[in-house]
Structures are given as C-alpha cells and as structure tokens.
Amino acid sequence: MRLRQIALVGKDLDAAEADIRAILGLDYAYDDPGVGKFGLRNAVFPVGDTFLEVVSPKQEGTTAGRLLERRGG
C-alpha cells in the first residue's frame, strides 16, 4: 500500500502554510485552482513521493467549513 496524499483543513491557509514551512521545513509546491469550484483554496507541499495538502474554505457552506465549525476551528 502506498500513501499518496494527506489532506488537512485549516481556517487560515496563509498561517497553515507558514507553520508547515517553519515547523516541517517543507517548500510550497503549488495551489490547485480546480478546488475553487468547491469553494476552497489550497496549498500542496511535496513530501518525498507523497503530498501534504491544506485546504481552506473561501466561501460559506463548504464541507471543509462545516468540519471546522463542528471541530471548533
């Protein structure tokens, strides 16, 4: 079995990106404009042959936003 991607949800994408760079020492790779159709922004970081992705809601009513609300942010 191979783990291809780990996805996290964060309220503040810029803060999450900064923490990932500072704490994990990872370099930002790209953002996928395709997630915009789901009301999200994202940042993707390569970790070997795996990806760490952070998604953040940019509009109301997204699944990611509802998860953050249920979890208290």
N, C-alpha and C. Protein backbone atom coordinates (compact mmCIF):
# COMPACT_ATOMS: atom_id res chain seq x y z
N MET A 1 0.85 -1.16 0.00
CA MET A 1 0.00 0.00 0.00
C MET A 1 0.90 1.24 0.00
N ARG A 2 0.48 2.25 -0.74
CA ARG A 2 1.23 3.50 -0.83
C ARG A 2 0.32 4.65 -0.45
N LEU A 3 0.80 5.51 0.41
CA LEU A 3 0.08 6.71 0.80
C LEU A 3 0.43 7.80 -0.20
N ARG A 4 -0.54 8.29 -0.92
CA ARG A 4 -0.30 9.27 -1.97
C ARG A 4 -0.45 10.71 -1.49
N GLN A 5 -1.42 10.94 -0.58
CA GLN A 5 -1.71 12.31 -0.19
C GLN A 5 -2.30 12.36 1.21
N ILE A 6 -1.92 13.38 1.95
CA ILE A 6 -2.51 13.68 3.25
C ILE A 6 -3.16 15.04 3.11
N ALA A 7 -4.42 15.14 3.48
CA ALA A 7 -5.13 16.42 3.35
C ALA A 7 -5.55 16.91 4.73
N LEU A 8 -5.28 18.18 4.98
CA LEU A 8 -5.66 18.85 6.21
C LEU A 8 -6.61 19.98 5.88
N VAL A 9 -7.42 20.38 6.87
CA VAL A 9 -8.33 21.51 6.70
C VAL A 9 -7.92 22.57 7.70
N GLY A 10 -7.78 23.80 7.23
CA GLY A 10 -7.43 24.91 8.11
C GLY A 10 -8.25 26.14 7.78
N LYS A 11 -8.58 26.89 8.80
CA LYS A 11 -9.36 28.11 8.60
C LYS A 11 -8.53 29.20 7.92
N ASP A 12 -7.26 29.32 8.31
CA ASP A 12 -6.38 30.35 7.79
C ASP A 12 -5.26 29.69 6.98
N LEU A 13 -5.42 29.65 5.68
CA LEU A 13 -4.47 28.96 4.81
C LEU A 13 -3.08 29.58 4.90
N ASP A 14 -3.00 30.89 4.94
CA ASP A 14 -1.69 31.54 5.00
C ASP A 14 -0.93 31.16 6.27
N ALA A 15 -1.63 31.12 7.39
CA ALA A 15 -0.99 30.74 8.66
C ALA A 15 -0.57 29.27 8.63
N ALA A 16 -1.41 28.41 8.06
CA ALA A 16 -1.06 26.99 7.97
C ALA A 16 0.17 26.79 7.09
N GLU A 17 0.23 27.51 5.96
CA GLU A 17 1.41 27.43 5.08
C GLU A 17 2.67 27.85 5.82
N ALA A 18 2.59 28.95 6.55
CA ALA A 18 3.75 29.45 7.29
C ALA A 18 4.20 28.44 8.34
N ASP A 19 3.25 27.83 9.05
CA ASP A 19 3.60 26.83 10.07
C ASP A 19 4.26 25.60 9.44
N ILE A 20 3.73 25.15 8.33
CA ILE A 20 4.30 23.97 7.65
C ILE A 20 5.72 24.25 7.21
N ARG A 21 5.95 25.42 6.67
CA ARG A 21 7.31 25.79 6.25
C ARG A 21 8.24 25.88 7.44
N ALA A 22 7.81 26.55 8.51
CA ALA A 22 8.66 26.77 9.67
C ALA A 22 8.90 25.51 10.49
N ILE A 23 7.85 24.73 10.72
CA ILE A 23 7.96 23.57 11.61
C ILE A 23 8.47 22.34 10.87
N LEU A 24 7.92 22.08 9.69
CA LEU A 24 8.29 20.87 8.95
C LEU A 24 9.41 21.12 7.93
N GLY A 25 9.70 22.39 7.65
CA GLY A 25 10.76 22.70 6.70
C GLY A 25 10.44 22.33 5.27
N LEU A 26 9.15 22.29 4.94
CA LEU A 26 8.75 21.91 3.58
C LEU A 26 8.62 23.14 2.70
N ASP A 27 8.90 22.97 1.43
CA ASP A 27 8.73 24.05 0.46
C ASP A 27 7.39 23.91 -0.23
N TYR A 28 6.73 25.03 -0.39
CA TYR A 28 5.45 25.10 -1.08
C TYR A 28 5.64 24.68 -2.53
N ALA A 29 4.74 23.89 -3.06
CA ALA A 29 4.85 23.44 -4.45
C ALA A 29 3.88 24.19 -5.35
N TYR A 30 2.60 24.11 -5.04
CA TYR A 30 1.61 24.75 -5.92
C TYR A 30 0.25 24.79 -5.24
N ASP A 31 -0.64 25.55 -5.84
CA ASP A 31 -2.04 25.51 -5.45
C ASP A 31 -2.84 25.05 -6.67
N ASP A 32 -3.91 24.36 -6.40
CA ASP A 32 -4.73 23.80 -7.47
C ASP A 32 -5.96 24.67 -7.65
N PRO A 33 -6.03 25.45 -8.72
CA PRO A 33 -7.20 26.31 -8.91
C PRO A 33 -8.50 25.53 -9.08
N GLY A 34 -8.41 24.25 -9.37
CA GLY A 34 -9.60 23.42 -9.54
C GLY A 34 -10.42 23.25 -8.27
N VAL A 35 -9.79 23.43 -7.10
CA VAL A 35 -10.56 23.29 -5.85
C VAL A 35 -11.48 24.48 -5.63
N GLY A 36 -11.28 25.55 -6.40
CA GLY A 36 -12.14 26.73 -6.29
C GLY A 36 -13.59 26.43 -6.58
N LYS A 37 -13.84 25.45 -7.46
CA LYS A 37 -15.24 25.11 -7.76
C LYS A 37 -15.95 24.48 -6.56
N PHE A 38 -15.17 24.06 -5.56
CA PHE A 38 -15.74 23.50 -4.33
C PHE A 38 -15.74 24.54 -3.20
N GLY A 39 -15.39 25.79 -3.54
CA GLY A 39 -15.38 26.86 -2.55
C GLY A 39 -14.15 26.85 -1.67
N LEU A 40 -13.05 26.30 -2.17
CA LEU A 40 -11.83 26.15 -1.38
C LEU A 40 -10.63 26.83 -2.01
N ARG A 41 -9.63 27.06 -1.19
CA ARG A 41 -8.26 27.40 -1.61
C ARG A 41 -7.39 26.28 -1.06
N ASN A 42 -6.24 26.06 -1.67
CA ASN A 42 -5.37 25.03 -1.14
C ASN A 42 -3.90 25.36 -1.35
N ALA A 43 -3.07 24.62 -0.67
CA ALA A 43 -1.63 24.67 -0.86
C ALA A 43 -1.14 23.24 -0.78
N VAL A 44 -0.26 22.87 -1.68
CA VAL A 44 0.24 21.49 -1.75
C VAL A 44 1.75 21.51 -1.56
N PHE A 45 2.23 20.63 -0.71
CA PHE A 45 3.65 20.51 -0.40
C PHE A 45 4.11 19.09 -0.71
N PRO A 46 5.19 18.92 -1.46
CA PRO A 46 5.71 17.57 -1.69
C PRO A 46 6.47 17.06 -0.46
N VAL A 47 6.25 15.80 -0.14
CA VAL A 47 6.97 15.12 0.93
C VAL A 47 7.43 13.79 0.32
N GLY A 48 8.64 13.77 -0.25
CA GLY A 48 9.07 12.60 -1.00
C GLY A 48 8.16 12.41 -2.19
N ASP A 49 7.57 11.21 -2.31
CA ASP A 49 6.64 10.96 -3.41
C ASP A 49 5.18 11.04 -2.95
N THR A 50 4.97 11.73 -1.81
CA THR A 50 3.65 11.94 -1.22
C THR A 50 3.39 13.44 -1.19
N PHE A 51 2.14 13.82 -1.03
CA PHE A 51 1.79 15.23 -0.96
C PHE A 51 1.07 15.53 0.34
N LEU A 52 1.39 16.67 0.91
CA LEU A 52 0.66 17.22 2.05
C LEU A 52 -0.14 18.40 1.50
N GLU A 53 -1.45 18.33 1.64
CA GLU A 53 -2.32 19.38 1.12
C GLU A 53 -3.10 20.00 2.26
N VAL A 54 -3.18 21.33 2.24
CA VAL A 54 -4.02 22.04 3.20
C VAL A 54 -5.11 22.74 2.38
N VAL A 55 -6.36 22.52 2.76
CA VAL A 55 -7.48 23.21 2.12
C VAL A 55 -8.12 24.15 3.13
N SER A 56 -8.65 25.24 2.61
CA SER A 56 -9.28 26.25 3.45
C SER A 56 -10.52 26.77 2.73
N PRO A 57 -11.64 26.89 3.43
CA PRO A 57 -12.85 27.39 2.77
C PRO A 57 -12.70 28.87 2.42
N LYS A 58 -13.17 29.22 1.24
CA LYS A 58 -13.18 30.64 0.84
C LYS A 58 -14.60 31.14 0.68
N GLN A 59 -15.58 30.28 0.93
CA GLN A 59 -16.99 30.68 0.91
C GLN A 59 -17.76 29.85 1.92
N GLU A 60 -18.94 30.29 2.23
CA GLU A 60 -19.81 29.61 3.18
C GLU A 60 -20.36 28.31 2.58
N GLY A 61 -20.68 27.35 3.45
CA GLY A 61 -21.40 26.16 3.03
C GLY A 61 -20.54 25.05 2.46
N THR A 62 -19.24 25.12 2.62
CA THR A 62 -18.39 24.04 2.11
C THR A 62 -18.29 22.92 3.14
N THR A 63 -17.97 21.74 2.68
CA THR A 63 -17.77 20.61 3.59
C THR A 63 -16.63 20.92 4.56
N ALA A 64 -15.55 21.50 4.04
CA ALA A 64 -14.41 21.85 4.89
C ALA A 64 -14.81 22.86 5.96
N GLY A 65 -15.62 23.85 5.57
CA GLY A 65 -16.08 24.85 6.53
C GLY A 65 -16.96 24.24 7.61
N ARG A 66 -17.83 23.33 7.22
CA ARG A 66 -18.69 22.67 8.21
C ARG A 66 -17.85 21.82 9.16
N LEU A 67 -16.82 21.17 8.66
CA LEU A 67 -15.93 20.39 9.53
C LEU A 67 -15.25 21.30 10.55
N LEU A 68 -14.74 22.44 10.10
CA LEU A 68 -14.11 23.38 11.03
C LEU A 68 -15.10 23.86 12.08
N GLU A 69 -16.33 24.13 11.69
CA GLU A 69 -17.35 24.58 12.64
C GLU A 69 -17.64 23.51 13.68
N ARG A 70 -17.79 22.25 13.24
CA ARG A 70 -18.07 21.14 14.17
C ARG A 70 -16.91 20.93 15.13
N ARG A 71 -15.68 21.12 14.66
CA ARG A 71 -14.49 20.88 15.48
C ARG A 71 -14.04 22.11 16.26
N GLY A 72 -14.77 23.21 16.13
CA GLY A 72 -14.42 24.42 16.85
C GLY A 72 -13.21 25.14 16.26
N GLY A 73 -13.03 25.01 14.95
CA GLY A 73 -11.95 25.72 14.27
C GLY A 73 -10.76 24.87 14.05
